[in-house]
Each structure stands twice: as structure tokens, then as C-alpha cells.
Amino acid sequence: MNAFRFRRAAIAVTAAVTLPLTLAACGGDDSSSDSAADKTSSSAPAEEQSSPAMEEDPAPAGGPFGPACAGVPKDGAGSFDGMAQDPVATAASNNPALSTLVTAVKKAGLVDTLNNAQNITVFAPTNDAFAKIPKADLDKVLADKEMLTNILTYHVVGEKLTPQALESGTFETLQKSTLATKGSGEDYTVNDNSKVVCGNVPTANATVYIVDTVLMPKA
């Protein structure tokens, strides 16, 4: 009888010890499952977040175009990247092909006006464009601040113009009269006689279209 009671007690002790261990083992499995589920759920947002990045729109199409763009420095302040960092008058001063224009802008006292303007378009005559004007006439213009200001502000439109806008457009200038553009693709003219030779050049505050003939105000 005593032996029988001893065996029952031993079985009870064994069960008491084994049951918590079994539950602990089961609890460990549940914890592992929960952990794995947590990892799976936590990794899902990361995958979802990475998907939109892969679907971002490509960089905007377009950029500088035209035969004279080949003469723009490849690097430095006068390059396209360099000009994009500076306001328009400063950017022009770093482009060797625009040195006469820069001199004219300085004589007219328009450097700050152009640099501080926002979202403008400048039709910038090259040195060769100014060279088409007889020297005596050019010297006269450069010496007359009012006349010079009148001519230079005629080259500035108070909004940024895309190439598409130039296909057939009439725009008011800062000089208060209008200029007209036409063309398509990479072939545009201003007032029928000034050809865009390097267009869609970005600066910090303007879009520049370099032209081969100085524009003259209509009034």
C-alpha cells in the first residue's frame, strides 16, 4: 500500500514538473511564430515604400539646344551646370560668348534688376550679334544709358518661356512693347530676323535663349 502511494506521488511530481516545461516549449514556439510574423509584417511596409521610388517619373525632358551650345564651356561657372546656379546677369558674365551683352548690362545699370527678377526669359545676343551693328552706332548706343536700357529691357520677358511657347507667340517685354516668336523643334526665330542659336538655357532665376541678332524695340 505504501509502495502504491509512493508511485502515485512520484507520478504526480513528474507531471507537475513536465507540464510547465511543455507549456514553456509551446509558448516558445508561439513566440517564435509571433516573432516571424512580426518580421514579415514589419518588412512589408519597407517593400511597399520602395515600390513608389522605383516608379518615380523620369527627369524632365528637354534642355539646352542649338548649334551655339557646343561653344559653351563643359565645366566651371560658364558651363550649363554653372549657369544654372547663378542669377542671369552673373551667369551671362561667365559665358565668353556674351561678354558684349554683359558690358552693355553693366553700363545700363541693369545687373541688379536682372539678378533680382524672378521667373523671366532673356533673349541674349551673342558678341557676333552686337558685331553686326556698325561700330559707330554701337558706341553711340553704349554711351546713351536711356537708349541702351530701352534696347536691353526689350530682350526680357517677365515669365519663363518653354520652347513650346515659342512656336507661335507674342510676349510683352520689360520695355513694354512686344516681341514675336515662331518655330518648332530646335528652330526658332524672334521678330522674324533673330535666330535662337542656343536655347532653353537655365539660370537660377531665368531661362535664356541666346540669339544671333540684337532685337530692336518697335517703339
N, C-alpha and C. Protein backbone atom coordinates (compact mmCIF):
# COMPACT_ATOMS: atom_id res chain seq x y z
N MET A 1 0.83 -1.21 0.00
CA MET A 1 0.00 0.00 0.00
C MET A 1 0.86 1.25 0.00
N ASN A 2 1.89 1.21 0.86
CA ASN A 2 2.81 2.34 0.90
C ASN A 2 3.52 2.51 -0.42
N ALA A 3 3.90 1.39 -1.04
CA ALA A 3 4.59 1.45 -2.35
C ALA A 3 3.68 2.04 -3.39
N PHE A 4 2.41 1.68 -3.35
CA PHE A 4 1.45 2.19 -4.33
C PHE A 4 1.28 3.70 -4.18
N ARG A 5 1.20 4.17 -2.90
CA ARG A 5 1.09 5.61 -2.66
C ARG A 5 2.35 6.34 -3.12
N PHE A 6 3.47 5.73 -2.93
CA PHE A 6 4.74 6.35 -3.34
C PHE A 6 4.79 6.54 -4.85
N ARG A 7 4.31 5.47 -5.58
CA ARG A 7 4.31 5.58 -7.05
C ARG A 7 3.37 6.67 -7.51
N ARG A 8 2.16 6.79 -6.89
CA ARG A 8 1.21 7.85 -7.27
C ARG A 8 1.80 9.23 -7.02
N ALA A 9 2.50 9.36 -5.91
CA ALA A 9 3.13 10.65 -5.59
C ALA A 9 4.20 10.98 -6.59
N ALA A 10 4.98 9.96 -6.97
CA ALA A 10 6.06 10.19 -7.94
C ALA A 10 5.50 10.61 -9.27
N ILE A 11 4.38 9.95 -9.68
CA ILE A 11 3.75 10.30 -10.98
C ILE A 11 3.23 11.73 -10.93
N ALA A 12 2.67 12.11 -9.79
CA ALA A 12 2.13 13.46 -9.65
C ALA A 12 3.23 14.50 -9.74
N VAL A 13 4.37 14.22 -9.08
CA VAL A 13 5.52 15.15 -9.10
C VAL A 13 6.04 15.29 -10.51
N THR A 14 6.16 14.13 -11.20
CA THR A 14 6.68 14.14 -12.57
C THR A 14 5.77 14.96 -13.47
N ALA A 15 4.46 14.78 -13.32
CA ALA A 15 3.51 15.53 -14.14
C ALA A 15 3.60 17.01 -13.84
N ALA A 16 3.78 17.33 -12.56
CA ALA A 16 3.87 18.75 -12.18
C ALA A 16 5.08 19.41 -12.77
N VAL A 17 6.19 18.66 -12.86
CA VAL A 17 7.43 19.21 -13.43
C VAL A 17 7.33 19.28 -14.94
N THR A 18 6.77 18.24 -15.54
CA THR A 18 6.76 18.14 -17.01
C THR A 18 5.81 19.13 -17.63
N LEU A 19 4.64 19.37 -17.02
CA LEU A 19 3.63 20.23 -17.62
C LEU A 19 4.10 21.66 -17.86
N PRO A 20 4.74 22.30 -16.87
CA PRO A 20 5.24 23.66 -17.15
C PRO A 20 6.27 23.69 -18.26
N LEU A 21 7.13 22.64 -18.29
CA LEU A 21 8.15 22.60 -19.34
C LEU A 21 7.50 22.50 -20.71
N THR A 22 6.44 21.69 -20.79
CA THR A 22 5.72 21.52 -22.06
C THR A 22 5.07 22.82 -22.48
N LEU A 23 4.43 23.48 -21.51
CA LEU A 23 3.79 24.76 -21.81
C LEU A 23 4.81 25.81 -22.22
N ALA A 24 5.95 25.78 -21.54
CA ALA A 24 7.00 26.73 -21.88
C ALA A 24 7.47 26.52 -23.29
N ALA A 25 7.62 25.19 -23.64
CA ALA A 25 8.06 24.87 -25.00
C ALA A 25 7.04 25.34 -26.00
N CYS A 26 5.74 25.12 -25.69
CA CYS A 26 4.69 25.59 -26.61
C CYS A 26 4.69 27.09 -26.70
N GLY A 27 4.87 27.72 -25.51
CA GLY A 27 4.93 29.18 -25.52
C GLY A 27 6.08 29.68 -26.34
N GLY A 28 7.22 28.99 -26.29
CA GLY A 28 8.38 29.38 -27.08
C GLY A 28 8.09 29.30 -28.54
N ASP A 29 7.37 28.22 -28.97
CA ASP A 29 7.02 28.08 -30.38
C ASP A 29 6.13 29.21 -30.83
N ASP A 30 5.13 29.57 -29.95
CA ASP A 30 4.21 30.65 -30.30
C ASP A 30 4.97 31.96 -30.44
N SER A 31 5.93 32.16 -29.51
CA SER A 31 6.74 33.37 -29.54
C SER A 31 7.52 33.46 -30.82
N SER A 32 8.10 32.30 -31.23
CA SER A 32 8.87 32.28 -32.47
C SER A 32 7.98 32.59 -33.64
N SER A 33 6.75 32.01 -33.63
CA SER A 33 5.82 32.25 -34.72
C SER A 33 5.43 33.71 -34.77
N ASP A 34 5.15 34.26 -33.54
CA ASP A 34 4.78 35.67 -33.49
C ASP A 34 5.91 36.54 -33.99
N SER A 35 7.16 36.17 -33.58
CA SER A 35 8.33 36.94 -34.00
C SER A 35 8.49 36.91 -35.50
N ALA A 36 8.30 35.70 -36.07
CA ALA A 36 8.41 35.58 -37.53
C ALA A 36 7.33 36.39 -38.21
N ALA A 37 6.11 36.35 -37.63
CA ALA A 37 5.01 37.11 -38.22
C ALA A 37 5.29 38.59 -38.14
N ASP A 38 5.87 39.00 -36.94
CA ASP A 38 6.19 40.41 -36.78
C ASP A 38 7.21 40.84 -37.81
N LYS A 39 8.22 39.98 -38.03
CA LYS A 39 9.25 40.32 -39.01
C LYS A 39 8.65 40.43 -40.41
N THR A 40 7.74 39.50 -40.69
CA THR A 40 7.11 39.53 -42.02
C THR A 40 6.31 40.80 -42.19
N SER A 41 5.50 41.16 -41.13
CA SER A 41 4.66 42.34 -41.24
C SER A 41 5.48 43.60 -41.25
N SER A 42 6.61 43.60 -40.48
CA SER A 42 7.44 44.80 -40.45
C SER A 42 8.21 44.99 -41.74
N SER A 43 8.49 43.87 -42.43
CA SER A 43 9.23 44.00 -43.69
C SER A 43 8.32 44.43 -44.82
N ALA A 44 7.02 44.19 -44.70
CA ALA A 44 6.08 44.52 -45.78
C ALA A 44 6.06 46.00 -46.08
N PRO A 45 5.96 46.90 -45.06
CA PRO A 45 5.93 48.32 -45.39
C PRO A 45 7.18 48.77 -46.11
N ALA A 46 8.34 48.19 -45.74
CA ALA A 46 9.58 48.59 -46.40
C ALA A 46 9.52 48.28 -47.88
N GLU A 47 8.95 47.10 -48.21
CA GLU A 47 8.83 46.76 -49.62
C GLU A 47 7.85 47.68 -50.31
N GLU A 48 6.73 48.01 -49.57
CA GLU A 48 5.75 48.89 -50.18
C GLU A 48 6.32 50.28 -50.38
N GLN A 49 7.17 50.74 -49.42
CA GLN A 49 7.76 52.06 -49.54
C GLN A 49 8.75 52.12 -50.67
N SER A 50 9.42 51.01 -50.96
CA SER A 50 10.43 51.05 -52.01
C SER A 50 9.81 51.04 -53.39
N SER A 51 8.58 50.55 -53.50
CA SER A 51 7.94 50.47 -54.81
C SER A 51 7.72 51.82 -55.45
N PRO A 52 7.14 52.83 -54.70
CA PRO A 52 6.94 54.12 -55.34
C PRO A 52 8.22 54.74 -55.84
N ALA A 53 9.34 54.55 -55.11
CA ALA A 53 10.61 55.13 -55.54
C ALA A 53 11.01 54.60 -56.89
N MET A 54 10.70 53.34 -57.13
CA MET A 54 11.06 52.73 -58.40
C MET A 54 10.16 53.24 -59.53
N GLU A 55 8.99 53.82 -59.13
CA GLU A 55 8.04 54.26 -60.13
C GLU A 55 8.05 55.77 -60.32
N GLU A 56 9.06 56.48 -59.77
CA GLU A 56 9.13 57.92 -59.91
C GLU A 56 9.24 58.31 -61.37
N ASP A 57 8.67 59.49 -61.69
CA ASP A 57 8.77 59.97 -63.06
C ASP A 57 10.22 60.24 -63.41
N PRO A 58 10.61 60.05 -64.66
CA PRO A 58 11.97 60.36 -65.06
C PRO A 58 12.23 61.85 -65.01
N ALA A 59 13.49 62.23 -65.09
CA ALA A 59 13.85 63.65 -65.08
C ALA A 59 13.15 64.35 -66.24
N PRO A 60 12.77 65.62 -66.04
CA PRO A 60 12.07 66.33 -67.10
C PRO A 60 12.86 66.31 -68.40
N ALA A 61 12.13 66.11 -69.50
CA ALA A 61 12.78 66.07 -70.80
C ALA A 61 13.16 67.48 -71.23
N GLY A 62 14.06 67.57 -72.19
CA GLY A 62 14.45 68.86 -72.71
C GLY A 62 15.73 69.35 -72.07
N GLY A 63 16.25 70.43 -72.60
CA GLY A 63 17.48 71.00 -72.12
C GLY A 63 17.99 71.95 -73.18
N PRO A 64 19.17 72.49 -72.98
CA PRO A 64 19.73 73.41 -73.98
C PRO A 64 19.85 72.76 -75.35
N PHE A 65 19.58 73.55 -76.39
CA PHE A 65 19.67 73.03 -77.75
C PHE A 65 20.15 74.14 -78.69
N GLY A 66 20.70 73.73 -79.82
CA GLY A 66 21.11 74.69 -80.84
C GLY A 66 22.60 74.61 -81.12
N PRO A 67 23.03 75.03 -82.30
CA PRO A 67 24.43 74.88 -82.71
C PRO A 67 25.43 75.61 -81.83
N ALA A 68 25.05 76.77 -81.28
CA ALA A 68 25.99 77.54 -80.46
C ALA A 68 26.20 76.94 -79.09
N CYS A 69 25.36 75.98 -78.70
CA CYS A 69 25.54 75.34 -77.39
C CYS A 69 26.87 74.60 -77.31
N ALA A 70 27.39 74.19 -78.45
CA ALA A 70 28.67 73.47 -78.46
C ALA A 70 29.81 74.36 -77.97
N GLY A 71 29.65 75.67 -78.08
CA GLY A 71 30.70 76.59 -77.65
C GLY A 71 30.66 76.93 -76.17
N VAL A 72 29.64 76.46 -75.47
CA VAL A 72 29.53 76.72 -74.03
C VAL A 72 30.55 75.85 -73.29
N PRO A 73 31.30 76.42 -72.34
CA PRO A 73 32.28 75.61 -71.59
C PRO A 73 31.65 74.36 -71.00
N LYS A 74 32.44 73.27 -70.97
CA LYS A 74 31.93 71.99 -70.47
C LYS A 74 31.82 71.95 -68.95
N ASP A 75 32.64 72.75 -68.28
CA ASP A 75 32.57 72.78 -66.83
C ASP A 75 32.92 74.16 -66.32
N GLY A 76 32.78 74.35 -65.03
CA GLY A 76 33.05 75.65 -64.44
C GLY A 76 31.83 76.55 -64.41
N ALA A 77 32.03 77.79 -63.99
CA ALA A 77 30.91 78.72 -63.81
C ALA A 77 30.19 79.04 -65.10
N GLY A 78 30.91 78.98 -66.24
CA GLY A 78 30.29 79.30 -67.52
C GLY A 78 29.62 78.13 -68.20
N SER A 79 29.68 76.95 -67.61
CA SER A 79 29.02 75.77 -68.18
C SER A 79 27.53 75.83 -67.91
N PHE A 80 26.78 74.93 -68.52
CA PHE A 80 25.33 74.91 -68.28
C PHE A 80 25.04 74.65 -66.80
N ASP A 81 25.77 73.73 -66.19
CA ASP A 81 25.56 73.45 -64.77
C ASP A 81 25.92 74.66 -63.92
N GLY A 82 27.01 75.33 -64.29
CA GLY A 82 27.42 76.52 -63.55
C GLY A 82 26.44 77.66 -63.69
N MET A 83 25.95 77.89 -64.91
CA MET A 83 25.00 78.97 -65.13
C MET A 83 23.70 78.73 -64.37
N ALA A 84 23.32 77.47 -64.23
CA ALA A 84 22.07 77.14 -63.53
C ALA A 84 22.13 77.53 -62.05
N GLN A 85 23.32 77.72 -61.51
CA GLN A 85 23.47 78.05 -60.09
C GLN A 85 23.41 79.55 -59.83
N ASP A 86 23.58 80.38 -60.87
CA ASP A 86 23.70 81.82 -60.68
C ASP A 86 22.51 82.56 -61.29
N PRO A 87 22.17 83.75 -60.75
CA PRO A 87 21.16 84.57 -61.40
C PRO A 87 21.66 85.03 -62.77
N VAL A 88 20.75 85.46 -63.60
CA VAL A 88 21.02 85.54 -65.04
C VAL A 88 22.17 86.48 -65.42
N ALA A 89 22.26 87.66 -64.84
CA ALA A 89 23.34 88.57 -65.22
C ALA A 89 24.70 88.01 -64.82
N THR A 90 24.76 87.39 -63.66
CA THR A 90 26.00 86.76 -63.21
C THR A 90 26.33 85.57 -64.09
N ALA A 91 25.33 84.77 -64.41
CA ALA A 91 25.55 83.61 -65.28
C ALA A 91 26.08 84.04 -66.64
N ALA A 92 25.51 85.10 -67.21
CA ALA A 92 25.95 85.60 -68.51
C ALA A 92 27.40 86.08 -68.46
N SER A 93 27.79 86.65 -67.34
CA SER A 93 29.15 87.18 -67.22
C SER A 93 30.20 86.07 -67.25
N ASN A 94 29.78 84.84 -67.00
CA ASN A 94 30.70 83.70 -67.02
C ASN A 94 30.73 82.99 -68.37
N ASN A 95 29.94 83.50 -69.32
CA ASN A 95 29.90 82.91 -70.66
C ASN A 95 30.66 83.82 -71.62
N PRO A 96 31.80 83.38 -72.16
CA PRO A 96 32.63 84.25 -73.01
C PRO A 96 31.89 84.79 -74.23
N ALA A 97 30.90 84.06 -74.74
CA ALA A 97 30.18 84.48 -75.95
C ALA A 97 29.22 85.64 -75.68
N LEU A 98 29.03 85.99 -74.40
CA LEU A 98 28.08 87.04 -74.05
C LEU A 98 28.76 88.25 -73.41
N SER A 99 30.04 88.42 -73.63
CA SER A 99 30.79 89.48 -72.95
C SER A 99 30.33 90.88 -73.35
N THR A 100 29.96 91.09 -74.62
CA THR A 100 29.48 92.41 -75.03
C THR A 100 28.14 92.73 -74.37
N LEU A 101 27.27 91.73 -74.30
CA LEU A 101 25.99 91.92 -73.62
C LEU A 101 26.21 92.28 -72.16
N VAL A 102 27.13 91.61 -71.52
CA VAL A 102 27.40 91.88 -70.10
C VAL A 102 27.92 93.31 -69.92
N THR A 103 28.78 93.75 -70.82
CA THR A 103 29.27 95.13 -70.76
C THR A 103 28.11 96.11 -70.89
N ALA A 104 27.20 95.83 -71.81
CA ALA A 104 26.05 96.71 -72.02
C ALA A 104 25.15 96.73 -70.79
N VAL A 105 24.93 95.57 -70.19
CA VAL A 105 24.08 95.48 -68.99
C VAL A 105 24.69 96.29 -67.85
N LYS A 106 25.99 96.22 -67.70
CA LYS A 106 26.67 96.98 -66.64
C LYS A 106 26.56 98.48 -66.90
N LYS A 107 26.75 98.91 -68.15
CA LYS A 107 26.66 100.34 -68.49
C LYS A 107 25.26 100.88 -68.25
N ALA A 108 24.25 100.03 -68.47
CA ALA A 108 22.87 100.45 -68.25
C ALA A 108 22.46 100.36 -66.79
N GLY A 109 23.29 99.78 -65.95
CA GLY A 109 22.96 99.64 -64.54
C GLY A 109 21.85 98.64 -64.28
N LEU A 110 21.81 97.58 -65.11
CA LEU A 110 20.72 96.62 -65.01
C LEU A 110 21.11 95.29 -64.34
N VAL A 111 22.32 95.20 -63.84
CA VAL A 111 22.78 93.94 -63.25
C VAL A 111 21.86 93.50 -62.11
N ASP A 112 21.63 94.40 -61.16
CA ASP A 112 20.79 94.04 -60.01
C ASP A 112 19.34 93.81 -60.44
N THR A 113 18.86 94.59 -61.39
CA THR A 113 17.48 94.42 -61.87
C THR A 113 17.28 93.01 -62.42
N LEU A 114 18.21 92.57 -63.24
CA LEU A 114 18.08 91.24 -63.84
C LEU A 114 18.33 90.13 -62.82
N ASN A 115 19.31 90.32 -61.96
CA ASN A 115 19.62 89.28 -60.98
C ASN A 115 18.53 89.10 -59.94
N ASN A 116 17.79 90.17 -59.64
CA ASN A 116 16.77 90.10 -58.60
C ASN A 116 15.38 89.76 -59.14
N ALA A 117 15.23 89.80 -60.46
CA ALA A 117 13.93 89.45 -61.06
C ALA A 117 13.68 87.95 -60.88
N GLN A 118 12.42 87.56 -60.91
CA GLN A 118 12.07 86.15 -60.73
C GLN A 118 11.34 85.64 -61.96
N ASN A 119 11.71 84.43 -62.38
CA ASN A 119 11.00 83.73 -63.46
C ASN A 119 10.86 84.58 -64.73
N ILE A 120 11.99 84.96 -65.28
CA ILE A 120 12.00 85.75 -66.50
C ILE A 120 12.64 84.97 -67.64
N THR A 121 12.46 85.48 -68.85
CA THR A 121 13.15 84.93 -70.02
C THR A 121 14.00 86.04 -70.62
N VAL A 122 15.24 85.72 -70.92
CA VAL A 122 16.16 86.70 -71.53
C VAL A 122 16.59 86.18 -72.89
N PHE A 123 16.38 87.00 -73.91
CA PHE A 123 16.92 86.72 -75.24
C PHE A 123 18.26 87.43 -75.30
N ALA A 124 19.32 86.65 -75.24
CA ALA A 124 20.67 87.19 -75.04
C ALA A 124 21.47 87.21 -76.34
N PRO A 125 21.73 88.39 -76.90
CA PRO A 125 22.52 88.47 -78.14
C PRO A 125 23.99 88.09 -77.90
N THR A 126 24.55 87.35 -78.82
CA THR A 126 25.95 86.97 -78.73
C THR A 126 26.85 88.17 -79.09
N ASN A 127 28.14 88.01 -78.87
CA ASN A 127 29.10 89.03 -79.31
C ASN A 127 28.98 89.26 -80.81
N ASP A 128 28.79 88.18 -81.57
CA ASP A 128 28.66 88.31 -83.03
C ASP A 128 27.41 89.09 -83.40
N ALA A 129 26.35 88.96 -82.58
CA ALA A 129 25.13 89.73 -82.84
C ALA A 129 25.40 91.22 -82.70
N PHE A 130 26.12 91.61 -81.66
CA PHE A 130 26.47 93.02 -81.49
C PHE A 130 27.43 93.49 -82.58
N ALA A 131 28.27 92.57 -83.07
CA ALA A 131 29.24 92.93 -84.12
C ALA A 131 28.55 93.27 -85.44
N LYS A 132 27.30 92.85 -85.62
CA LYS A 132 26.55 93.19 -86.83
C LYS A 132 26.18 94.67 -86.86
N ILE A 133 26.18 95.32 -85.71
CA ILE A 133 25.86 96.74 -85.62
C ILE A 133 27.12 97.53 -85.95
N PRO A 134 27.06 98.49 -86.87
CA PRO A 134 28.26 99.31 -87.15
C PRO A 134 28.85 99.87 -85.87
N LYS A 135 30.17 99.87 -85.79
CA LYS A 135 30.84 100.25 -84.54
C LYS A 135 30.42 101.63 -84.05
N ALA A 136 30.31 102.59 -84.97
CA ALA A 136 29.95 103.94 -84.56
C ALA A 136 28.56 103.96 -83.92
N ASP A 137 27.65 103.17 -84.50
CA ASP A 137 26.29 103.11 -83.93
C ASP A 137 26.28 102.41 -82.59
N LEU A 138 27.06 101.34 -82.48
CA LEU A 138 27.11 100.60 -81.22
C LEU A 138 27.71 101.47 -80.13
N ASP A 139 28.78 102.18 -80.45
CA ASP A 139 29.41 103.07 -79.46
C ASP A 139 28.42 104.14 -79.00
N LYS A 140 27.62 104.62 -79.94
CA LYS A 140 26.62 105.64 -79.59
C LYS A 140 25.59 105.08 -78.62
N VAL A 141 25.14 103.86 -78.90
CA VAL A 141 24.15 103.22 -78.02
C VAL A 141 24.73 102.98 -76.64
N LEU A 142 25.95 102.47 -76.59
CA LEU A 142 26.59 102.16 -75.30
C LEU A 142 26.81 103.43 -74.47
N ALA A 143 26.92 104.57 -75.14
CA ALA A 143 27.15 105.83 -74.42
C ALA A 143 25.86 106.50 -73.98
N ASP A 144 24.73 106.01 -74.46
CA ASP A 144 23.44 106.61 -74.14
C ASP A 144 22.66 105.64 -73.23
N LYS A 145 22.69 105.90 -71.94
CA LYS A 145 22.11 104.96 -70.97
C LYS A 145 20.62 104.75 -71.20
N GLU A 146 19.90 105.79 -71.52
CA GLU A 146 18.45 105.65 -71.72
C GLU A 146 18.15 104.77 -72.93
N MET A 147 18.85 105.04 -74.04
CA MET A 147 18.66 104.23 -75.24
C MET A 147 19.07 102.79 -75.00
N LEU A 148 20.20 102.62 -74.32
CA LEU A 148 20.72 101.28 -74.03
C LEU A 148 19.74 100.50 -73.16
N THR A 149 19.21 101.15 -72.13
CA THR A 149 18.24 100.49 -71.25
C THR A 149 16.99 100.09 -72.04
N ASN A 150 16.56 100.97 -72.93
CA ASN A 150 15.39 100.70 -73.76
C ASN A 150 15.59 99.43 -74.60
N ILE A 151 16.78 99.31 -75.19
CA ILE A 151 17.08 98.14 -76.03
C ILE A 151 17.22 96.87 -75.19
N LEU A 152 17.95 96.95 -74.10
CA LEU A 152 18.21 95.75 -73.30
C LEU A 152 16.94 95.21 -72.64
N THR A 153 16.09 96.09 -72.13
CA THR A 153 14.86 95.61 -71.48
C THR A 153 13.89 95.03 -72.51
N TYR A 154 14.09 95.39 -73.79
CA TYR A 154 13.26 94.79 -74.83
C TYR A 154 13.61 93.30 -75.02
N HIS A 155 14.74 92.89 -74.54
CA HIS A 155 15.17 91.49 -74.66
C HIS A 155 14.69 90.62 -73.49
N VAL A 156 13.89 91.19 -72.60
CA VAL A 156 13.48 90.47 -71.38
C VAL A 156 11.96 90.37 -71.32
N VAL A 157 11.47 89.14 -71.11
CA VAL A 157 10.04 88.86 -70.94
C VAL A 157 9.82 88.45 -69.49
N GLY A 158 8.74 88.93 -68.90
CA GLY A 158 8.50 88.72 -67.47
C GLY A 158 7.91 87.38 -67.09
N GLU A 159 8.22 86.34 -67.83
CA GLU A 159 7.81 84.98 -67.49
C GLU A 159 8.79 84.00 -68.14
N LYS A 160 8.86 82.81 -67.59
CA LYS A 160 9.72 81.78 -68.18
C LYS A 160 9.00 81.14 -69.36
N LEU A 161 9.67 81.14 -70.51
CA LEU A 161 9.07 80.61 -71.72
C LEU A 161 9.71 79.28 -72.09
N THR A 162 8.89 78.28 -72.30
CA THR A 162 9.38 76.99 -72.78
C THR A 162 9.56 77.06 -74.29
N PRO A 163 10.32 76.14 -74.87
CA PRO A 163 10.41 76.11 -76.33
C PRO A 163 9.05 75.99 -77.00
N GLN A 164 8.15 75.23 -76.39
CA GLN A 164 6.81 75.08 -76.97
C GLN A 164 6.08 76.41 -77.03
N ALA A 165 6.31 77.27 -76.04
CA ALA A 165 5.67 78.58 -76.03
C ALA A 165 6.16 79.46 -77.17
N LEU A 166 7.37 79.19 -77.65
CA LEU A 166 7.95 79.99 -78.73
C LEU A 166 7.42 79.60 -80.10
N GLU A 167 6.68 78.52 -80.20
CA GLU A 167 6.25 78.03 -81.51
C GLU A 167 5.42 79.07 -82.26
N SER A 168 4.62 79.80 -81.55
CA SER A 168 3.84 80.88 -82.15
C SER A 168 3.33 81.75 -81.02
N GLY A 169 4.11 82.77 -80.67
CA GLY A 169 3.74 83.57 -79.51
C GLY A 169 4.08 85.03 -79.65
N THR A 170 3.36 85.85 -78.92
CA THR A 170 3.64 87.28 -78.81
C THR A 170 3.71 87.60 -77.33
N PHE A 171 4.79 88.24 -76.91
CA PHE A 171 5.02 88.43 -75.48
C PHE A 171 5.39 89.88 -75.18
N GLU A 172 4.86 90.37 -74.07
CA GLU A 172 5.22 91.73 -73.64
C GLU A 172 6.59 91.69 -72.98
N THR A 173 7.40 92.67 -73.28
CA THR A 173 8.74 92.75 -72.71
C THR A 173 8.76 93.73 -71.55
N LEU A 174 9.88 93.76 -70.83
CA LEU A 174 10.02 94.73 -69.74
C LEU A 174 10.08 96.15 -70.27
N GLN A 175 10.38 96.30 -71.55
CA GLN A 175 10.40 97.62 -72.18
C GLN A 175 8.98 98.10 -72.52
N LYS A 176 8.00 97.19 -72.38
CA LYS A 176 6.57 97.46 -72.52
C LYS A 176 6.04 97.33 -73.95
N SER A 177 6.89 97.03 -74.92
CA SER A 177 6.35 96.67 -76.23
C SER A 177 6.47 95.16 -76.37
N THR A 178 6.05 94.62 -77.50
CA THR A 178 6.00 93.16 -77.64
C THR A 178 7.03 92.65 -78.65
N LEU A 179 7.39 91.38 -78.48
CA LEU A 179 8.19 90.67 -79.47
C LEU A 179 7.42 89.41 -79.86
N ALA A 180 7.74 88.89 -81.03
CA ALA A 180 7.01 87.72 -81.53
C ALA A 180 7.99 86.60 -81.84
N THR A 181 7.58 85.38 -81.57
CA THR A 181 8.42 84.21 -81.83
C THR A 181 7.67 83.20 -82.67
N LYS A 182 8.42 82.39 -83.39
CA LYS A 182 7.81 81.29 -84.13
C LYS A 182 8.86 80.22 -84.37
N GLY A 183 8.41 79.02 -84.70
CA GLY A 183 9.32 77.92 -84.98
C GLY A 183 8.81 76.63 -84.40
N SER A 184 9.68 75.62 -84.40
CA SER A 184 9.35 74.31 -83.84
C SER A 184 10.63 73.53 -83.64
N GLY A 185 10.52 72.45 -82.86
CA GLY A 185 11.68 71.59 -82.63
C GLY A 185 12.83 72.36 -82.00
N GLU A 186 13.90 72.53 -82.74
CA GLU A 186 15.06 73.30 -82.26
C GLU A 186 15.34 74.49 -83.17
N ASP A 187 14.34 74.93 -83.91
CA ASP A 187 14.50 76.01 -84.88
C ASP A 187 13.49 77.12 -84.57
N TYR A 188 13.97 78.21 -83.96
CA TYR A 188 13.09 79.31 -83.58
C TYR A 188 13.69 80.65 -83.98
N THR A 189 12.82 81.59 -84.31
CA THR A 189 13.25 82.96 -84.61
C THR A 189 12.45 83.93 -83.77
N VAL A 190 13.04 85.09 -83.54
CA VAL A 190 12.38 86.17 -82.80
C VAL A 190 12.28 87.36 -83.74
N ASN A 191 11.06 87.90 -83.85
CA ASN A 191 10.80 89.03 -84.75
C ASN A 191 11.26 88.76 -86.18
N ASP A 192 11.20 87.52 -86.59
CA ASP A 192 11.49 87.10 -87.97
C ASP A 192 12.96 87.19 -88.39
N ASN A 193 13.79 87.90 -87.62
CA ASN A 193 15.16 88.09 -88.10
C ASN A 193 16.26 87.71 -87.12
N SER A 194 15.89 87.31 -85.90
CA SER A 194 16.90 86.92 -84.91
C SER A 194 16.71 85.45 -84.58
N LYS A 195 17.70 84.67 -84.87
CA LYS A 195 17.59 83.21 -84.72
C LYS A 195 18.13 82.76 -83.37
N VAL A 196 17.39 81.85 -82.74
CA VAL A 196 17.87 81.25 -81.50
C VAL A 196 18.98 80.25 -81.85
N VAL A 197 20.19 80.49 -81.32
CA VAL A 197 21.32 79.62 -81.64
C VAL A 197 21.70 78.70 -80.49
N CYS A 198 21.21 79.01 -79.30
CA CYS A 198 21.36 78.11 -78.14
C CYS A 198 20.24 78.44 -77.18
N GLY A 199 19.25 77.57 -77.14
CA GLY A 199 18.04 77.91 -76.39
C GLY A 199 17.80 77.03 -75.18
N ASN A 200 16.85 77.50 -74.35
CA ASN A 200 16.40 76.76 -73.18
C ASN A 200 17.53 76.55 -72.17
N VAL A 201 18.32 77.58 -71.97
CA VAL A 201 19.44 77.53 -71.02
C VAL A 201 18.95 78.01 -69.65
N PRO A 202 19.01 77.18 -68.62
CA PRO A 202 18.51 77.60 -67.31
C PRO A 202 19.55 78.38 -66.50
N THR A 203 19.08 79.41 -65.81
CA THR A 203 19.87 80.05 -64.75
C THR A 203 19.02 80.00 -63.49
N ALA A 204 19.55 80.53 -62.40
CA ALA A 204 18.83 80.42 -61.13
C ALA A 204 17.48 81.13 -61.16
N ASN A 205 17.34 82.16 -61.97
CA ASN A 205 16.08 82.92 -61.97
C ASN A 205 15.50 83.17 -63.36
N ALA A 206 16.10 82.56 -64.39
CA ALA A 206 15.64 82.86 -65.74
C ALA A 206 15.90 81.69 -66.69
N THR A 207 15.20 81.75 -67.82
CA THR A 207 15.52 80.88 -68.95
C THR A 207 16.12 81.77 -70.03
N VAL A 208 17.22 81.33 -70.61
CA VAL A 208 17.94 82.15 -71.58
C VAL A 208 17.86 81.51 -72.96
N TYR A 209 17.57 82.36 -73.95
CA TYR A 209 17.66 81.96 -75.36
C TYR A 209 18.71 82.87 -76.00
N ILE A 210 19.83 82.28 -76.37
CA ILE A 210 20.92 83.05 -76.98
C ILE A 210 20.58 83.24 -78.46
N VAL A 211 20.62 84.49 -78.92
CA VAL A 211 20.19 84.82 -80.28
C VAL A 211 21.33 85.45 -81.07
N ASP A 212 21.21 85.39 -82.41
CA ASP A 212 22.31 85.85 -83.27
C ASP A 212 22.15 87.27 -83.80
N THR A 213 21.09 87.95 -83.39
CA THR A 213 20.86 89.34 -83.83
C THR A 213 20.25 90.15 -82.68
N VAL A 214 20.73 91.37 -82.49
CA VAL A 214 20.19 92.24 -81.46
C VAL A 214 18.77 92.64 -81.83
N LEU A 215 17.86 92.55 -80.88
CA LEU A 215 16.47 92.93 -81.11
C LEU A 215 16.28 94.43 -80.89
N MET A 216 15.53 95.04 -81.79
CA MET A 216 15.28 96.47 -81.68
C MET A 216 13.82 96.72 -81.32
N PRO A 217 13.56 97.55 -80.30
CA PRO A 217 12.18 97.81 -79.89
C PRO A 217 11.35 98.40 -81.04
N LYS A 218 10.07 98.08 -81.03
CA LYS A 218 9.20 98.59 -82.06
C LYS A 218 8.81 100.04 -81.81
N ALA A 219 8.90 100.46 -80.56
CA ALA A 219 8.56 101.84 -80.25
C ALA A 219 9.35 102.32 -79.05
